N, C-alpha and C. Protein backbone atom coordinates (compact mmCIF):
# COMPACT_ATOMS: atom_id res chain seq x y z
N UNK A 1 66.48 11.85 -150.13
CA UNK A 1 65.68 10.64 -149.62
C UNK A 1 64.20 10.99 -149.71
N UNK A 2 63.45 9.99 -150.13
CA UNK A 2 62.02 10.21 -150.33
C UNK A 2 61.36 8.98 -149.68
N UNK A 3 60.34 9.27 -148.89
CA UNK A 3 59.47 8.21 -148.31
C UNK A 3 58.69 7.54 -149.49
N UNK A 4 58.59 6.27 -149.56
CA UNK A 4 57.96 5.55 -150.66
C UNK A 4 56.58 5.05 -150.27
N UNK A 5 56.33 4.97 -149.05
CA UNK A 5 54.99 4.43 -148.63
C UNK A 5 55.07 3.87 -147.22
N UNK A 6 53.96 3.24 -146.82
CA UNK A 6 53.89 2.66 -145.53
C UNK A 6 54.23 1.17 -145.68
N UNK A 7 54.97 0.63 -144.65
CA UNK A 7 55.13 -0.84 -144.57
C UNK A 7 53.99 -1.47 -143.84
N UNK A 8 53.63 -0.86 -142.68
CA UNK A 8 52.58 -1.33 -141.88
C UNK A 8 52.11 -0.24 -140.94
N UNK A 9 50.91 -0.44 -140.34
CA UNK A 9 50.38 0.34 -139.33
C UNK A 9 50.24 -0.56 -138.16
N UNK A 10 50.66 -0.08 -136.97
CA UNK A 10 50.46 -0.90 -135.71
C UNK A 10 49.41 -0.26 -134.86
N UNK A 11 48.52 -1.07 -134.33
CA UNK A 11 47.57 -0.66 -133.33
C UNK A 11 47.83 -1.58 -132.09
N UNK A 12 47.27 -1.18 -130.98
CA UNK A 12 47.47 -1.86 -129.72
C UNK A 12 46.14 -2.53 -129.26
N UNK A 13 46.31 -3.58 -128.40
CA UNK A 13 45.17 -4.30 -127.87
C UNK A 13 45.55 -4.85 -126.54
N UNK A 14 44.57 -5.12 -125.70
CA UNK A 14 44.93 -5.67 -124.40
C UNK A 14 45.35 -7.13 -124.47
N UNK A 15 46.08 -7.57 -123.44
CA UNK A 15 46.53 -8.99 -123.42
C UNK A 15 45.36 -9.86 -123.37
N UNK A 16 45.49 -10.98 -124.07
CA UNK A 16 44.38 -11.97 -124.19
C UNK A 16 43.30 -11.70 -125.26
N UNK A 17 43.49 -10.59 -126.04
CA UNK A 17 42.54 -10.27 -127.07
C UNK A 17 42.77 -10.81 -128.44
N UNK A 18 43.86 -11.56 -128.57
CA UNK A 18 44.29 -12.08 -129.95
C UNK A 18 43.18 -12.77 -130.73
N UNK A 19 42.50 -13.65 -130.01
CA UNK A 19 41.41 -14.45 -130.71
C UNK A 19 40.32 -13.46 -131.24
N UNK A 20 39.86 -12.55 -130.44
CA UNK A 20 38.89 -11.54 -130.82
C UNK A 20 39.39 -10.75 -132.00
N UNK A 21 40.68 -10.31 -131.94
CA UNK A 21 41.18 -9.56 -133.04
C UNK A 21 41.31 -10.39 -134.30
N UNK A 22 41.69 -11.67 -134.15
CA UNK A 22 41.82 -12.48 -135.33
C UNK A 22 40.36 -12.73 -135.97
N UNK A 23 39.31 -12.83 -135.11
CA UNK A 23 38.00 -12.92 -135.61
C UNK A 23 37.58 -11.77 -136.37
N UNK A 24 37.91 -10.59 -135.91
CA UNK A 24 37.54 -9.23 -136.53
C UNK A 24 38.30 -9.05 -137.81
N UNK A 25 39.69 -8.93 -137.64
CA UNK A 25 40.51 -8.61 -138.85
C UNK A 25 40.50 -9.73 -139.85
N UNK A 26 40.66 -10.86 -139.35
CA UNK A 26 40.66 -12.04 -140.31
C UNK A 26 39.31 -12.51 -140.82
N UNK A 27 38.32 -12.57 -139.87
CA UNK A 27 36.99 -13.05 -140.24
C UNK A 27 36.11 -11.96 -140.80
N UNK A 28 35.91 -10.91 -140.03
CA UNK A 28 34.97 -9.88 -140.51
C UNK A 28 35.52 -9.04 -141.69
N UNK A 29 36.79 -8.54 -141.52
CA UNK A 29 37.33 -7.77 -142.60
C UNK A 29 38.04 -8.50 -143.73
N UNK A 30 38.37 -9.80 -143.44
CA UNK A 30 38.93 -10.51 -144.47
C UNK A 30 40.46 -10.38 -144.75
N UNK A 31 41.17 -9.92 -143.79
CA UNK A 31 42.62 -9.90 -143.84
C UNK A 31 43.18 -11.22 -143.68
N UNK A 32 44.36 -11.52 -144.22
CA UNK A 32 45.04 -12.79 -144.04
C UNK A 32 46.07 -12.59 -142.81
N UNK A 33 46.02 -13.49 -141.86
CA UNK A 33 46.97 -13.40 -140.85
C UNK A 33 48.32 -13.98 -141.32
N UNK A 34 49.33 -13.25 -141.02
CA UNK A 34 50.64 -13.66 -141.48
C UNK A 34 51.51 -13.96 -140.18
N UNK A 35 52.40 -14.91 -140.39
CA UNK A 35 53.20 -15.29 -139.13
C UNK A 35 54.14 -14.15 -138.72
N UNK A 36 54.27 -14.00 -137.45
CA UNK A 36 55.20 -13.05 -136.80
C UNK A 36 56.59 -13.82 -136.78
N UNK A 37 57.74 -13.05 -136.88
CA UNK A 37 58.96 -13.66 -136.62
C UNK A 37 58.96 -14.28 -135.16
N UNK A 38 59.70 -15.33 -135.04
CA UNK A 38 59.67 -16.16 -133.80
C UNK A 38 59.88 -15.32 -132.52
N UNK A 39 60.84 -14.51 -132.59
CA UNK A 39 61.15 -13.61 -131.31
C UNK A 39 59.99 -12.71 -131.05
N UNK A 40 59.37 -12.09 -132.11
CA UNK A 40 58.31 -11.14 -131.89
C UNK A 40 57.05 -11.84 -131.52
N UNK A 41 56.82 -13.07 -131.97
CA UNK A 41 55.65 -13.88 -131.64
C UNK A 41 55.56 -14.14 -130.14
N UNK A 42 56.67 -14.18 -129.49
CA UNK A 42 56.68 -14.38 -128.02
C UNK A 42 55.95 -13.24 -127.28
N UNK A 43 55.91 -12.05 -127.84
CA UNK A 43 55.24 -10.92 -127.25
C UNK A 43 53.67 -10.97 -127.40
N UNK A 44 53.12 -11.87 -128.15
CA UNK A 44 51.71 -11.96 -128.36
C UNK A 44 51.33 -11.05 -129.52
N UNK A 45 50.09 -10.77 -129.77
CA UNK A 45 49.60 -9.92 -130.87
C UNK A 45 49.46 -10.82 -132.06
N UNK A 46 49.17 -10.14 -133.17
CA UNK A 46 48.95 -10.84 -134.45
C UNK A 46 49.19 -9.79 -135.59
N UNK A 47 49.67 -10.32 -136.71
CA UNK A 47 49.87 -9.49 -137.89
C UNK A 47 48.92 -9.94 -139.05
N UNK A 48 48.42 -8.95 -139.79
CA UNK A 48 47.49 -9.24 -140.85
C UNK A 48 47.91 -8.50 -142.10
N UNK A 49 47.56 -9.02 -143.27
CA UNK A 49 47.87 -8.50 -144.58
C UNK A 49 46.59 -8.34 -145.37
N UNK A 50 46.40 -7.22 -145.97
CA UNK A 50 45.32 -7.07 -146.94
C UNK A 50 45.89 -6.46 -148.22
N UNK A 51 45.04 -6.09 -149.16
CA UNK A 51 45.58 -5.63 -150.34
C UNK A 51 46.34 -4.31 -150.20
N UNK A 52 47.68 -4.48 -150.46
CA UNK A 52 48.61 -3.28 -150.33
C UNK A 52 48.82 -2.79 -148.94
N UNK A 53 48.55 -3.53 -147.92
CA UNK A 53 48.81 -3.04 -146.51
C UNK A 53 49.02 -4.13 -145.60
N UNK A 54 49.66 -3.80 -144.49
CA UNK A 54 49.80 -4.69 -143.27
C UNK A 54 49.29 -3.96 -142.11
N UNK A 55 48.68 -4.68 -141.24
CA UNK A 55 48.22 -4.14 -139.91
C UNK A 55 48.78 -5.10 -138.82
N UNK A 56 49.48 -4.51 -137.91
CA UNK A 56 50.08 -5.27 -136.83
C UNK A 56 49.29 -4.92 -135.53
N UNK A 57 48.93 -6.00 -134.82
CA UNK A 57 48.26 -5.73 -133.50
C UNK A 57 49.30 -6.13 -132.48
N UNK A 58 49.67 -5.12 -131.60
CA UNK A 58 50.61 -5.38 -130.58
C UNK A 58 49.91 -5.35 -129.26
N UNK A 59 50.40 -6.20 -128.33
CA UNK A 59 49.80 -6.35 -127.08
C UNK A 59 50.41 -5.26 -126.07
N UNK A 60 49.44 -4.57 -125.39
CA UNK A 60 49.91 -3.53 -124.43
C UNK A 60 49.20 -3.78 -123.10
N UNK A 61 50.00 -4.10 -122.08
CA UNK A 61 49.44 -4.49 -120.78
C UNK A 61 48.63 -3.36 -120.13
N UNK A 62 48.90 -2.14 -120.58
CA UNK A 62 48.24 -0.91 -120.03
C UNK A 62 47.32 -0.36 -121.16
N UNK A 63 46.75 -1.11 -122.04
CA UNK A 63 45.99 -0.69 -123.17
C UNK A 63 44.88 0.19 -122.75
N UNK A 64 44.70 1.39 -123.51
CA UNK A 64 43.55 2.22 -123.41
C UNK A 64 43.25 2.62 -124.89
N UNK A 65 42.07 2.33 -125.41
CA UNK A 65 41.78 2.56 -126.75
C UNK A 65 41.86 4.17 -127.05
N UNK A 66 42.60 4.53 -128.11
CA UNK A 66 42.77 5.98 -128.44
C UNK A 66 41.47 6.52 -128.87
N UNK A 67 41.20 7.80 -128.61
CA UNK A 67 39.96 8.38 -128.93
C UNK A 67 39.91 9.00 -130.33
N UNK A 68 41.07 9.42 -130.81
CA UNK A 68 41.13 10.05 -132.09
C UNK A 68 42.03 9.32 -133.08
N UNK A 69 43.14 8.80 -132.70
CA UNK A 69 44.12 8.12 -133.58
C UNK A 69 43.49 6.87 -134.19
N UNK A 70 43.69 6.66 -135.47
CA UNK A 70 43.06 5.57 -136.20
C UNK A 70 43.71 5.29 -137.56
N UNK A 71 43.64 4.00 -138.01
CA UNK A 71 43.98 3.82 -139.40
C UNK A 71 42.68 4.14 -140.25
N UNK A 72 42.92 4.45 -141.45
CA UNK A 72 41.82 4.70 -142.47
C UNK A 72 42.01 3.76 -143.63
N UNK A 73 40.90 3.02 -143.93
CA UNK A 73 40.99 2.08 -145.05
C UNK A 73 40.16 2.45 -146.24
N UNK A 74 40.75 2.49 -147.40
CA UNK A 74 40.04 2.69 -148.67
C UNK A 74 39.30 1.43 -149.01
N UNK A 75 38.02 1.54 -149.34
CA UNK A 75 37.25 0.34 -149.70
C UNK A 75 36.56 0.60 -151.01
N UNK A 76 36.12 -0.44 -151.69
CA UNK A 76 35.42 -0.31 -152.92
C UNK A 76 33.90 -0.42 -152.88
N UNK A 77 33.35 -0.86 -151.72
CA UNK A 77 31.89 -0.96 -151.51
C UNK A 77 31.64 -0.60 -150.05
N UNK A 78 31.56 0.66 -149.73
CA UNK A 78 31.25 1.07 -148.35
C UNK A 78 30.04 0.48 -147.84
N UNK A 79 28.95 0.47 -148.58
CA UNK A 79 27.66 0.01 -148.12
C UNK A 79 27.75 -1.48 -147.71
N UNK A 80 28.32 -2.29 -148.59
CA UNK A 80 28.50 -3.71 -148.34
C UNK A 80 29.27 -3.99 -147.00
N UNK A 81 30.37 -3.21 -146.89
CA UNK A 81 31.21 -3.34 -145.66
C UNK A 81 30.40 -2.94 -144.41
N UNK A 82 29.60 -1.85 -144.48
CA UNK A 82 28.83 -1.43 -143.31
C UNK A 82 27.81 -2.50 -142.93
N UNK A 83 27.20 -3.16 -143.94
CA UNK A 83 26.28 -4.22 -143.65
C UNK A 83 26.97 -5.46 -143.05
N UNK A 84 28.23 -5.72 -143.61
CA UNK A 84 28.98 -6.85 -143.01
C UNK A 84 29.30 -6.57 -141.54
N UNK A 85 29.82 -5.45 -141.23
CA UNK A 85 30.16 -5.06 -139.86
C UNK A 85 28.81 -5.12 -138.94
N UNK A 86 27.73 -4.56 -139.46
CA UNK A 86 26.56 -4.64 -138.57
C UNK A 86 26.06 -6.09 -138.37
N UNK A 87 26.23 -6.89 -139.36
CA UNK A 87 25.78 -8.35 -139.23
C UNK A 87 26.65 -9.05 -138.21
N UNK A 88 27.87 -8.59 -138.11
CA UNK A 88 28.84 -9.14 -137.13
C UNK A 88 28.70 -8.54 -135.70
N UNK A 89 27.79 -7.58 -135.56
CA UNK A 89 27.38 -6.98 -134.27
C UNK A 89 28.25 -5.72 -134.01
N UNK A 90 28.85 -5.11 -135.05
CA UNK A 90 29.60 -3.85 -134.84
C UNK A 90 28.83 -2.61 -135.26
N UNK A 91 28.86 -1.61 -134.48
CA UNK A 91 28.20 -0.35 -134.75
C UNK A 91 28.99 0.41 -135.78
N UNK A 92 28.20 1.03 -136.72
CA UNK A 92 28.76 1.76 -137.80
C UNK A 92 28.29 3.19 -137.69
N UNK A 93 29.23 4.19 -137.69
CA UNK A 93 28.86 5.61 -137.55
C UNK A 93 29.24 6.36 -138.73
N UNK A 94 28.20 6.67 -139.55
CA UNK A 94 28.45 7.48 -140.85
C UNK A 94 28.97 8.84 -140.45
N UNK A 95 29.75 9.38 -141.41
CA UNK A 95 30.40 10.69 -141.25
C UNK A 95 30.50 11.33 -142.65
N UNK A 96 29.89 12.37 -142.94
CA UNK A 96 29.92 12.95 -144.30
C UNK A 96 30.80 14.27 -144.37
N UNK A 97 31.81 14.34 -143.51
CA UNK A 97 32.51 15.52 -143.43
C UNK A 97 33.86 15.58 -144.16
N UNK A 98 34.11 14.57 -144.96
CA UNK A 98 35.39 14.50 -145.78
C UNK A 98 35.01 14.70 -147.19
N UNK A 99 35.25 15.90 -147.79
CA UNK A 99 34.88 16.15 -149.13
C UNK A 99 35.55 15.13 -150.17
N UNK A 100 34.68 14.67 -151.05
CA UNK A 100 35.15 13.74 -152.09
C UNK A 100 35.05 12.28 -151.71
N UNK A 101 34.61 12.00 -150.36
CA UNK A 101 34.62 10.68 -149.86
C UNK A 101 33.36 10.35 -149.10
N UNK A 102 32.81 9.16 -149.32
CA UNK A 102 31.80 8.66 -148.33
C UNK A 102 32.55 7.91 -147.25
N UNK A 103 32.21 7.96 -145.93
CA UNK A 103 33.02 7.25 -144.99
C UNK A 103 32.06 7.00 -143.74
N UNK A 104 32.68 6.06 -142.94
CA UNK A 104 32.08 5.77 -141.61
C UNK A 104 33.23 5.38 -140.74
N UNK A 105 32.85 5.35 -139.45
CA UNK A 105 33.76 4.86 -138.38
C UNK A 105 33.17 3.63 -137.70
N UNK A 106 34.04 2.80 -137.21
CA UNK A 106 33.63 1.61 -136.45
C UNK A 106 34.76 1.33 -135.45
N UNK A 107 34.60 0.38 -134.60
CA UNK A 107 35.73 0.04 -133.62
C UNK A 107 35.93 -1.45 -133.78
N UNK A 108 37.20 -1.82 -133.48
CA UNK A 108 37.44 -3.26 -133.38
C UNK A 108 37.19 -3.77 -132.01
N UNK A 109 37.33 -5.12 -131.76
CA UNK A 109 36.93 -5.59 -130.42
C UNK A 109 37.61 -5.00 -129.23
N UNK A 110 38.80 -4.41 -129.54
CA UNK A 110 39.57 -3.73 -128.43
C UNK A 110 39.17 -2.32 -128.30
N UNK A 111 38.33 -1.79 -129.08
CA UNK A 111 37.92 -0.38 -129.00
C UNK A 111 38.72 0.55 -129.87
N UNK A 112 39.57 0.04 -130.74
CA UNK A 112 40.42 0.89 -131.65
C UNK A 112 39.42 1.57 -132.63
N UNK A 113 39.54 2.77 -132.83
CA UNK A 113 38.76 3.48 -133.83
C UNK A 113 39.31 3.17 -135.24
N UNK A 114 38.43 2.86 -136.18
CA UNK A 114 38.75 2.59 -137.54
C UNK A 114 37.95 3.48 -138.48
N UNK A 115 38.54 3.99 -139.52
CA UNK A 115 37.86 4.77 -140.55
C UNK A 115 37.81 4.02 -141.84
N UNK A 116 36.67 4.06 -142.52
CA UNK A 116 36.55 3.35 -143.77
C UNK A 116 36.00 4.41 -144.80
N UNK A 117 36.69 4.47 -145.90
CA UNK A 117 36.34 5.54 -146.95
C UNK A 117 36.17 4.93 -148.32
N UNK A 118 35.30 5.53 -149.09
CA UNK A 118 35.12 5.20 -150.51
C UNK A 118 35.01 6.51 -151.30
N UNK A 119 35.82 6.65 -152.33
CA UNK A 119 35.66 7.92 -153.13
C UNK A 119 34.25 8.08 -153.61
N UNK A 120 33.76 9.35 -153.47
CA UNK A 120 32.35 9.77 -153.83
C UNK A 120 32.21 9.73 -155.34
């Protein structure tokens, strides 16, 4: 048996944050929201699809943003994305500690840590 890849990454968010998460992942980052199966939709949250990936936002009544855990997204224009995030009111924190990549961190409206990388 060999693992062939990821199907999706799930992050958590507090109840009632779906609209803010849609605005961020769909609006700012440009992911497409995809419908959740009917039974799962009853739980809240939202699912998004981007080039070669899916990100699922699950609702957690006791949500606390993780300090270290995060998805990392490869991008083709790190500087343009940084400007896009700043223009939408999000802080961008550059980090030059990953050899072979330029990268920065940002957070979504729920406080989830996100990493964005571009090969150097």
